[in-house]
PDB file of N, CA and C in Angstrom:
ATOM      1  N   MET A   1      73.034  68.778  25.958  1.00  0.00           N
ATOM      2  CA  MET A   1      74.052  69.319  26.831  1.00  0.00           C
ATOM      3  C   MET A   1      74.878  68.168  27.396  1.00  0.00           C
ATOM      4  N   ASP A   2      76.173  68.337  27.314  1.00  0.00           N
ATOM      5  CA  ASP A   2      77.011  67.287  27.872  1.00  0.00           C
ATOM      6  C   ASP A   2      77.383  67.601  29.316  1.00  0.00           C
ATOM      7  N   GLU A   3      78.076  66.699  29.938  1.00  0.00           N
ATOM      8  CA  GLU A   3      78.414  66.807  31.366  1.00  0.00           C
ATOM      9  C   GLU A   3      79.280  68.028  31.671  1.00  0.00           C
ATOM     10  N   ALA A   4      80.181  68.428  30.791  1.00  0.00           N
ATOM     11  CA  ALA A   4      81.071  69.576  31.005  1.00  0.00           C
ATOM     12  C   ALA A   4      80.274  70.879  31.026  1.00  0.00           C
ATOM     13  N   GLU A   5      79.325  71.001  30.134  1.00  0.00           N
ATOM     14  CA  GLU A   5      78.506  72.212  30.097  1.00  0.00           C
ATOM     15  C   GLU A   5      77.640  72.318  31.349  1.00  0.00           C
ATOM     16  N   ILE A   6      77.124  71.198  31.788  1.00  0.00           N
ATOM     17  CA  ILE A   6      76.302  71.194  33.008  1.00  0.00           C
ATOM     18  C   ILE A   6      77.165  71.590  34.210  1.00  0.00           C
ATOM     19  N   GLN A   7      78.382  71.076  34.260  1.00  0.00           N
ATOM     20  CA  GLN A   7      79.296  71.416  35.349  1.00  0.00           C
ATOM     21  C   GLN A   7      79.653  72.905  35.312  1.00  0.00           C
ATOM     22  N   ASP A   8      79.880  73.452  34.101  1.00  0.00           N
ATOM     23  CA  ASP A   8      80.167  74.884  33.960  1.00  0.00           C
ATOM     24  C   ASP A   8      78.988  75.733  34.438  1.00  0.00           C
ATOM     25  N   LEU A   9      77.781  75.297  34.103  1.00  0.00           N
ATOM     26  CA  LEU A   9      76.587  76.020  34.545  1.00  0.00           C
ATOM     27  C   LEU A   9      76.454  75.970  36.067  1.00  0.00           C
ATOM     28  N   LYS A  10      76.734  74.811  36.662  1.00  0.00           N
ATOM     29  CA  LYS A  10      76.669  74.678  38.119  1.00  0.00           C
ATOM     30  C   LYS A  10      77.683  75.616  38.783  1.00  0.00           C
ATOM     31  N   GLU A  11      78.889  75.674  38.234  1.00  0.00           N
ATOM     32  CA  GLU A  11      79.923  76.569  38.780  1.00  0.00           C
ATOM     33  C   GLU A  11      79.509  78.032  38.635  1.00  0.00           C
ATOM     34  N   ALA A  12      78.942  78.385  37.473  1.00  0.00           N
ATOM     35  CA  ALA A  12      78.501  79.755  37.237  1.00  0.00           C
ATOM     36  C   ALA A  12      77.386  80.132  38.208  1.00  0.00           C
ATOM     37  N   ILE A  13      76.454  79.221  38.422  1.00  0.00           N
ATOM     38  CA  ILE A  13      75.357  79.486  39.365  1.00  0.00           C
ATOM     39  C   ILE A  13      75.900  79.600  40.783  1.00  0.00           C
ATOM     40  N   GLY A  14      76.858  78.740  41.136  1.00  0.00           N
ATOM     41  CA  GLY A  14      77.476  78.822  42.457  1.00  0.00           C
ATOM     42  C   GLY A  14      78.204  80.148  42.659  1.00  0.00           C
ATOM     43  N   ASN A  15      78.957  80.578  41.636  1.00  0.00           N
ATOM     44  CA  ASN A  15      79.644  81.881  41.716  1.00  0.00           C
ATOM     45  C   ASN A  15      78.649  83.024  41.836  1.00  0.00           C
ATOM     46  N   LEU A  16      77.576  82.919  41.074  1.00  0.00           N
ATOM     47  CA  LEU A  16      76.544  83.953  41.129  1.00  0.00           C
ATOM     48  C   LEU A  16      75.907  84.016  42.515  1.00  0.00           C
ATOM     49  N   ALA A  17      75.623  82.870  43.101  1.00  0.00           N
ATOM     50  CA  ALA A  17      75.039  82.827  44.439  1.00  0.00           C
ATOM     51  C   ALA A  17      76.012  83.420  45.461  1.00  0.00           C
ATOM     52  N   HIS A  18      77.305  83.109  45.308  1.00  0.00           N
ATOM     53  CA  HIS A  18      78.320  83.654  46.210  1.00  0.00           C
ATOM     54  C   HIS A  18      78.400  85.183  46.082  1.00  0.00           C
ATOM     55  N   GLN A  19      78.364  85.683  44.857  1.00  0.00           N
ATOM     56  CA  GLN A  19      78.417  87.132  44.644  1.00  0.00           C
ATOM     57  C   GLN A  19      77.175  87.817  45.196  1.00  0.00           C
ATOM     58  N   ILE A  20      76.038  87.203  45.069  1.00  0.00           N
ATOM     59  CA  ILE A  20      74.809  87.774  45.624  1.00  0.00           C
ATOM     60  C   ILE A  20      74.899  87.827  47.141  1.00  0.00           C
ATOM     61  N   GLN A  21      75.450  86.766  47.746  1.00  0.00           N
ATOM     62  CA  GLN A  21      75.627  86.750  49.200  1.00  0.00           C
ATOM     63  C   GLN A  21      76.579  87.858  49.645  1.00  0.00           C
ATOM     64  N   ARG A  22      77.678  88.062  48.910  1.00  0.00           N
ATOM     65  CA  ARG A  22      78.627  89.140  49.240  1.00  0.00           C
ATOM     66  C   ARG A  22      77.948  90.503  49.123  1.00  0.00           C
ATOM     67  N   MET A  23      77.136  90.681  48.080  1.00  0.00           N
ATOM     68  CA  MET A  23      76.416  91.943  47.914  1.00  0.00           C
ATOM     69  C   MET A  23      75.460  92.174  49.069  1.00  0.00           C
ATOM     70  N   SER A  24      74.809  91.132  49.506  1.00  0.00           N
ATOM     71  CA  SER A  24      73.883  91.243  50.636  1.00  0.00           C
ATOM     72  C   SER A  24      74.638  91.641  51.903  1.00  0.00           C
ATOM     73  N   ASP A  25      75.802  91.012  52.126  1.00  0.00           N
ATOM     74  CA  ASP A  25      76.610  91.361  53.299  1.00  0.00           C
ATOM     75  C   ASP A  25      77.072  92.813  53.234  1.00  0.00           C
ATOM     76  N   LYS A  26      77.538  93.223  52.069  1.00  0.00           N
ATOM     77  CA  LYS A  26      78.001  94.606  51.905  1.00  0.00           C
ATOM     78  C   LYS A  26      76.850  95.587  52.093  1.00  0.00           C
ATOM     79  N   GLN A  27      75.675  95.220  51.635  1.00  0.00           N
ATOM     80  CA  GLN A  27      74.509  96.082  51.797  1.00  0.00           C
ATOM     81  C   GLN A  27      74.161  96.241  53.275  1.00  0.00           C
ATOM     82  N   ASP A  28      74.289  95.167  54.036  1.00  0.00           N
ATOM     83  CA  ASP A  28      74.048  95.243  55.489  1.00  0.00           C
ATOM     84  C   ASP A  28      75.073  96.161  56.149  1.00  0.00           C
ATOM     85  N   GLU A  29      76.340  96.066  55.726  1.00  0.00           N
ATOM     86  CA  GLU A  29      77.379  96.950  56.265  1.00  0.00           C
ATOM     87  C   GLU A  29      77.072  98.407  55.933  1.00  0.00           C
ATOM     88  N   MET A  30      76.646  98.657  54.704  1.00  0.00           N
ATOM     89  CA  MET A  30      76.319 100.023  54.297  1.00  0.00           C
ATOM     90  C   MET A  30      75.136 100.551  55.099  1.00  0.00           C
ATOM     91  N   LEU A  31      74.167  99.710  55.382  1.00  0.00           N
ATOM     92  CA  LEU A  31      73.020 100.122  56.184  1.00  0.00           C
ATOM     93  C   LEU A  31      73.470 100.550  57.570  1.00  0.00           C
ATOM     94  N   GLU A  32      74.367  99.786  58.182  1.00  0.00           N
ATOM     95  CA  GLU A  32      74.888 100.144  59.502  1.00  0.00           C
ATOM     96  C   GLU A  32      75.659 101.464  59.435  1.00  0.00           C
ATOM     97  N   ASP A  33      76.457 101.649  58.393  1.00  0.00           N
ATOM     98  CA  ASP A  33      77.213 102.891  58.248  1.00  0.00           C
ATOM     99  C   ASP A  33      76.279 104.095  58.090  1.00  0.00           C
ATOM    100  N   VAL A  34      75.233 103.931  57.309  1.00  0.00           N
ATOM    101  CA  VAL A  34      74.268 105.019  57.117  1.00  0.00           C
ATOM    102  C   VAL A  34      73.562 105.342  58.428  1.00  0.00           C
ATOM    103  N   LYS A  35      73.253 104.327  59.209  1.00  0.00           N
ATOM    104  CA  LYS A  35      72.622 104.564  60.510  1.00  0.00           C
ATOM    105  C   LYS A  35      73.552 105.354  61.423  1.00  0.00           C
ATOM    106  N   LYS A  36      74.846 105.013  61.411  1.00  0.00           N
ATOM    107  CA  LYS A  36      75.816 105.734  62.236  1.00  0.00           C
ATOM    108  C   LYS A  36      75.950 107.182  61.782  1.00  0.00           C
ATOM    109  N   ILE A  37      75.980 107.401  60.479  1.00  0.00           N
ATOM    110  CA  ILE A  37      76.078 108.765  59.952  1.00  0.00           C
ATOM    111  C   ILE A  37      74.835 109.563  60.331  1.00  0.00           C
ATOM    112  N   LYS A  38      73.683 108.957  60.186  1.00  0.00           N
ATOM    113  CA  LYS A  38      72.422 109.626  60.540  1.00  0.00           C
ATOM    114  C   LYS A  38      72.417 109.987  62.020  1.00  0.00           C
ATOM    115  N   GLU A  39      72.894 109.091  62.865  1.00  0.00           N
ATOM    116  CA  GLU A  39      72.973 109.352  64.305  1.00  0.00           C
ATOM    117  C   GLU A  39      73.922 110.517  64.585  1.00  0.00           C
ATOM    118  N   ALA A  40      75.062 110.539  63.891  1.00  0.00           N
ATOM    119  CA  ALA A  40      76.039 111.605  64.111  1.00  0.00           C
ATOM    120  C   ALA A  40      75.498 112.962  63.672  1.00  0.00           C
ATOM    121  N   ILE A  41      74.700 112.987  62.642  1.00  0.00           N
ATOM    122  CA  ILE A  41      74.193 114.265  62.128  1.00  0.00           C
ATOM    123  C   ILE A  41      72.986 114.746  62.919  1.00  0.00           C
ATOM    124  N   TYR A  42      72.044 113.871  63.163  1.00  0.00           N
ATOM    125  CA  TYR A  42      70.763 114.296  63.717  1.00  0.00           C
ATOM    126  C   TYR A  42      70.631 114.142  65.224  1.00  0.00           C
ATOM    127  N   ASN A  43      71.666 113.682  65.908  1.00  0.00           N
ATOM    128  CA  ASN A  43      71.582 113.544  67.360  1.00  0.00           C
ATOM    129  C   ASN A  43      71.273 114.911  67.968  1.00  0.00           C
ATOM    130  N   PRO A  44      70.187 115.061  68.725  1.00  0.00           N
ATOM    131  CA  PRO A  44      69.770 116.385  69.192  1.00  0.00           C
ATOM    132  C   PRO A  44      70.737 117.027  70.188  1.00  0.00           C
ATOM    133  N   ASP A  45      71.572 116.241  70.863  1.00  0.00           N
ATOM    134  CA  ASP A  45      72.461 116.815  71.863  1.00  0.00           C
ATOM    135  C   ASP A  45      73.881 117.026  71.357  1.00  0.00           C
ATOM    136  N   GLN A  46      74.382 116.104  70.547  1.00  0.00           N
ATOM    137  CA  GLN A  46      75.770 116.187  70.122  1.00  0.00           C
ATOM    138  C   GLN A  46      75.945 116.085  68.616  1.00  0.00           C
ATOM    139  N   GLY A  47      74.886 116.085  67.869  1.00  0.00           N
ATOM    140  CA  GLY A  47      74.977 115.930  66.426  1.00  0.00           C
ATOM    141  C   GLY A  47      75.472 117.187  65.740  1.00  0.00           C
ATOM    142  N   LEU A  48      75.638 117.075  64.455  1.00  0.00           N
ATOM    143  CA  LEU A  48      76.147 118.178  63.654  1.00  0.00           C
ATOM    144  C   LEU A  48      75.229 119.397  63.727  1.00  0.00           C
ATOM    145  N   TYR A  49      73.929 119.172  63.628  1.00  0.00           N
ATOM    146  CA  TYR A  49      72.987 120.290  63.690  1.00  0.00           C
ATOM    147  C   TYR A  49      73.020 120.975  65.052  1.00  0.00           C
ATOM    148  N   ALA A  50      73.191 120.202  66.114  1.00  0.00           N
ATOM    149  CA  ALA A  50      73.273 120.793  67.454  1.00  0.00           C
ATOM    150  C   ALA A  50      74.526 121.650  67.580  1.00  0.00           C
ATOM    151  N   ARG A  51      75.626 121.178  67.027  1.00  0.00           N
ATOM    152  CA  ARG A  51      76.870 121.961  67.083  1.00  0.00           C
ATOM    153  C   ARG A  51      76.746 123.249  66.285  1.00  0.00           C
ATOM    154  N   VAL A  52      76.152 123.163  65.108  1.00  0.00           N
ATOM    155  CA  VAL A  52      75.964 124.366  64.289  1.00  0.00           C
ATOM    156  C   VAL A  52      75.052 125.352  65.003  1.00  0.00           C
ATOM    157  N   ARG A  53      74.000 124.856  65.621  1.00  0.00           N
ATOM    158  CA  ARG A  53      73.079 125.718  66.364  1.00  0.00           C
ATOM    159  C   ARG A  53      73.813 126.415  67.502  1.00  0.00           C
ATOM    160  N   ASP A  54      74.652 125.684  68.231  1.00  0.00           N
ATOM    161  CA  ASP A  54      75.413 126.286  69.326  1.00  0.00           C
ATOM    162  C   ASP A  54      76.377 127.355  68.812  1.00  0.00           C
ATOM    163  N   LEU A  55      77.027 127.074  67.694  1.00  0.00           N
ATOM    164  CA  LEU A  55      77.945 128.066  67.120  1.00  0.00           C
ATOM    165  C   LEU A  55      77.211 129.318  66.668  1.00  0.00           C
ATOM    166  N   GLU A  56      76.035 129.141  66.080  1.00  0.00           N
ATOM    167  CA  GLU A  56      75.254 130.304  65.650  1.00  0.00           C
ATOM    168  C   GLU A  56      74.816 131.139  66.851  1.00  0.00           C
ATOM    169  N   GLN A  57      74.405 130.492  67.930  1.00  0.00           N
ATOM    170  CA  GLN A  57      74.012 131.233  69.133  1.00  0.00           C
ATOM    171  C   GLN A  57      75.208 131.961  69.722  1.00  0.00           C
ATOM    172  N   TRP A  58      76.362 131.313  69.744  1.00  0.00           N
ATOM    173  CA  TRP A  58      77.578 131.951  70.250  1.00  0.00           C
ATOM    174  C   TRP A  58      77.933 133.159  69.397  1.00  0.00           C
ATOM    175  N   GLN A  59      77.828 133.009  68.075  1.00  0.00           N
ATOM    176  CA  GLN A  59      78.144 134.110  67.166  1.00  0.00           C
ATOM    177  C   GLN A  59      77.193 135.290  67.394  1.00  0.00           C
ATOM    178  N   GLN A  60      75.924 135.022  67.609  1.00  0.00           N
ATOM    179  CA  GLN A  60      74.968 136.094  67.873  1.00  0.00           C
ATOM    180  C   GLN A  60      75.311 136.804  69.176  1.00  0.00           C
ATOM    181  N   ASN A  61      75.673 136.054  70.213  1.00  0.00           N
ATOM    182  CA  ASN A  61      76.028 136.668  71.488  1.00  0.00           C
ATOM    183  C   ASN A  61      77.284 137.516  71.370  1.00  0.00           C
ATOM    184  N   VAL A  62      78.272 137.039  70.636  1.00  0.00           N
ATOM    185  CA  VAL A  62      79.507 137.804  70.443  1.00  0.00           C
ATOM    186  C   VAL A  62      79.213 139.079  69.650  1.00  0.00           C
ATOM    187  N   ALA A  63      78.358 138.971  68.642  1.00  0.00           N
ATOM    188  CA  ALA A  63      78.008 140.151  67.856  1.00  0.00           C
ATOM    189  C   ALA A  63      77.315 141.200  68.736  1.00  0.00           C
ATOM    190  N   LYS A  64      76.415 140.769  69.612  1.00  0.00           N
ATOM    191  CA  LYS A  64      75.748 141.709  70.517  1.00  0.00           C
ATOM    192  C   LYS A  64      76.763 142.374  71.446  1.00  0.00           C
ATOM    193  N   PHE A  65      77.709 141.586  71.961  1.00  0.00           N
ATOM    194  CA  PHE A  65      78.730 142.126  72.850  1.00  0.00           C
ATOM    195  C   PHE A  65      79.609 143.141  72.121  1.00  0.00           C
ATOM    196  N   ILE A  66      80.007 142.825  70.899  1.00  0.00           N
ATOM    197  CA  ILE A  66      80.843 143.751  70.121  1.00  0.00           C
ATOM    198  C   ILE A  66      80.084 145.049  69.857  1.00  0.00           C
ATOM    199  N   TRP A  67      78.813 144.973  69.500  1.00  0.00           N
ATOM    200  CA  TRP A  67      78.026 146.179  69.287  1.00  0.00           C
ATOM    201  C   TRP A  67      77.917 146.999  70.578  1.00  0.00           C
ATOM    202  N   THR A  68      77.712 146.327  71.700  1.00  0.00           N
ATOM    203  CA  THR A  68      77.609 147.026  72.981  1.00  0.00           C
ATOM    204  C   THR A  68      78.905 147.747  73.311  1.00  0.00           C
ATOM    205  N   VAL A  69      80.028 147.064  73.156  1.00  0.00           N
ATOM    206  CA  VAL A  69      81.328 147.684  73.438  1.00  0.00           C
ATOM    207  C   VAL A  69      81.587 148.825  72.462  1.00  0.00           C
ATOM    208  N   GLY A  70      81.277 148.618  71.195  1.00  0.00           N
ATOM    209  CA  GLY A  70      81.480 149.667  70.188  1.00  0.00           C
ATOM    210  C   GLY A  70      80.660 150.910  70.490  1.00  0.00           C
ATOM    211  N   LEU A  71      79.398 150.714  70.859  1.00  0.00           N
ATOM    212  CA  LEU A  71      78.556 151.861  71.185  1.00  0.00           C
ATOM    213  C   LEU A  71      79.043 152.564  72.450  1.00  0.00           C
ATOM    214  N   ALA A  72      79.510 151.799  73.433  1.00  0.00           N
ATOM    215  CA  ALA A  72      80.024 152.411  74.668  1.00  0.00           C
ATOM    216  C   ALA A  72      81.274 153.247  74.365  1.00  0.00           C
ATOM    217  N   VAL A  73      82.177 152.707  73.559  1.00  0.00           N
ATOM    218  CA  VAL A  73      83.398 153.451  73.201  1.00  0.00           C
ATOM    219  C   VAL A  73      83.029 154.691  72.403  1.00  0.00           C
ATOM    220  N   THR A  74      82.101 154.570  71.476  1.00  0.00           N
ATOM    221  CA  THR A  74      81.661 155.733  70.702  1.00  0.00           C
ATOM    222  C   THR A  74      81.046 156.789  71.614  1.00  0.00           C
ATOM    223  N   GLY A  75      80.249 156.351  72.563  1.00  0.00           N
ATOM    224  CA  GLY A  75      79.649 157.287  73.520  1.00  0.00           C
ATOM    225  C   GLY A  75      80.708 157.988  74.349  1.00  0.00           C
ATOM    226  N   LEU A  76      81.720 157.269  74.798  1.00  0.00           N
ATOM    227  CA  LEU A  76      82.793 157.899  75.576  1.00  0.00           C
ATOM    228  C   LEU A  76      83.585 158.883  74.736  1.00  0.00           C
ATOM    229  N   ILE A  77      83.830 158.547  73.482  1.00  0.00           N
ATOM    230  CA  ILE A  77      84.545 159.474  72.590  1.00  0.00           C
ATOM    231  C   ILE A  77      83.710 160.727  72.363  1.00  0.00           C
ATOM    232  N   MET A  78      82.425 160.553  72.130  1.00  0.00           N
ATOM    233  CA  MET A  78      81.546 161.707  71.921  1.00  0.00           C
ATOM    234  C   MET A  78      81.501 162.570  73.180  1.00  0.00           C
ATOM    235  N   GLN A  79      81.463 161.948  74.357  1.00  0.00           N
ATOM    236  CA  GLN A  79      81.457 162.714  75.604  1.00  0.00           C
ATOM    237  C   GLN A  79      82.759 163.479  75.765  1.00  0.00           C
ATOM    238  N   ALA A  80      83.886 162.857  75.417  1.00  0.00           N
ATOM    239  CA  ALA A  80      85.177 163.537  75.539  1.00  0.00           C
ATOM    240  C   ALA A  80      85.245 164.733  74.586  1.00  0.00           C
ATOM    241  N   ILE A  81      84.761 164.543  73.364  1.00  0.00           N
ATOM    242  CA  ILE A  81      84.748 165.658  72.412  1.00  0.00           C
ATOM    243  C   ILE A  81      83.836 166.759  72.900  1.00  0.00           C
ATOM    244  N   TYR A  82      82.662 166.415  73.371  1.00  0.00           N
ATOM    245  CA  TYR A  82      81.699 167.412  73.881  1.00  0.00           C
ATOM    246  C   TYR A  82      82.292 168.169  75.074  1.00  0.00           C
ATOM    247  N   THR A  83      82.961 167.428  75.973  1.00  0.00           N
ATOM    248  CA  THR A  83      83.552 168.050  77.148  1.00  0.00           C
ATOM    249  C   THR A  83      84.677 168.998  76.757  1.00  0.00           C
ATOM    250  N   ASN A  84      85.476 168.651  75.793  1.00  0.00           N
ATOM    251  CA  ASN A  84      86.599 169.499  75.351  1.00  0.00           C
ATOM    252  C   ASN A  84      86.109 170.726  74.608  1.00  0.00           C
ATOM    253  N   ILE A  85      85.031 170.620  73.863  1.00  0.00           N
ATOM    254  CA  ILE A  85      84.509 171.750  73.107  1.00  0.00           C
ATOM    255  C   ILE A  85      83.780 172.730  74.035  1.00  0.00           C
ATOM    256  N   PHE A  86      82.977 172.239  74.950  1.00  0.00           N
ATOM    257  CA  PHE A  86      82.187 173.121  75.794  1.00  0.00           C
ATOM    258  C   PHE A  86      82.786 173.120  77.144  1.00  0.00           C
TER     259      PHE A  86
END
């Protein structure tokens, strides 16, 4: 091996080491991003699951209210019909 080939190998190894370092840095950034996403989703008070749970509870309450109002209106209509007939 002559001096030029050795120098090329040194440069290639240096570039490889630099690329590995960049990959390591990017991996650390990705780890932080994943932690933030996990926090946003699983946070028990303000996370995505908590919001979905609150919306489902609200939807159930609204459905109960609509059924109650519907039954009350139906009862009043039936009473009006009964009163008019008899």
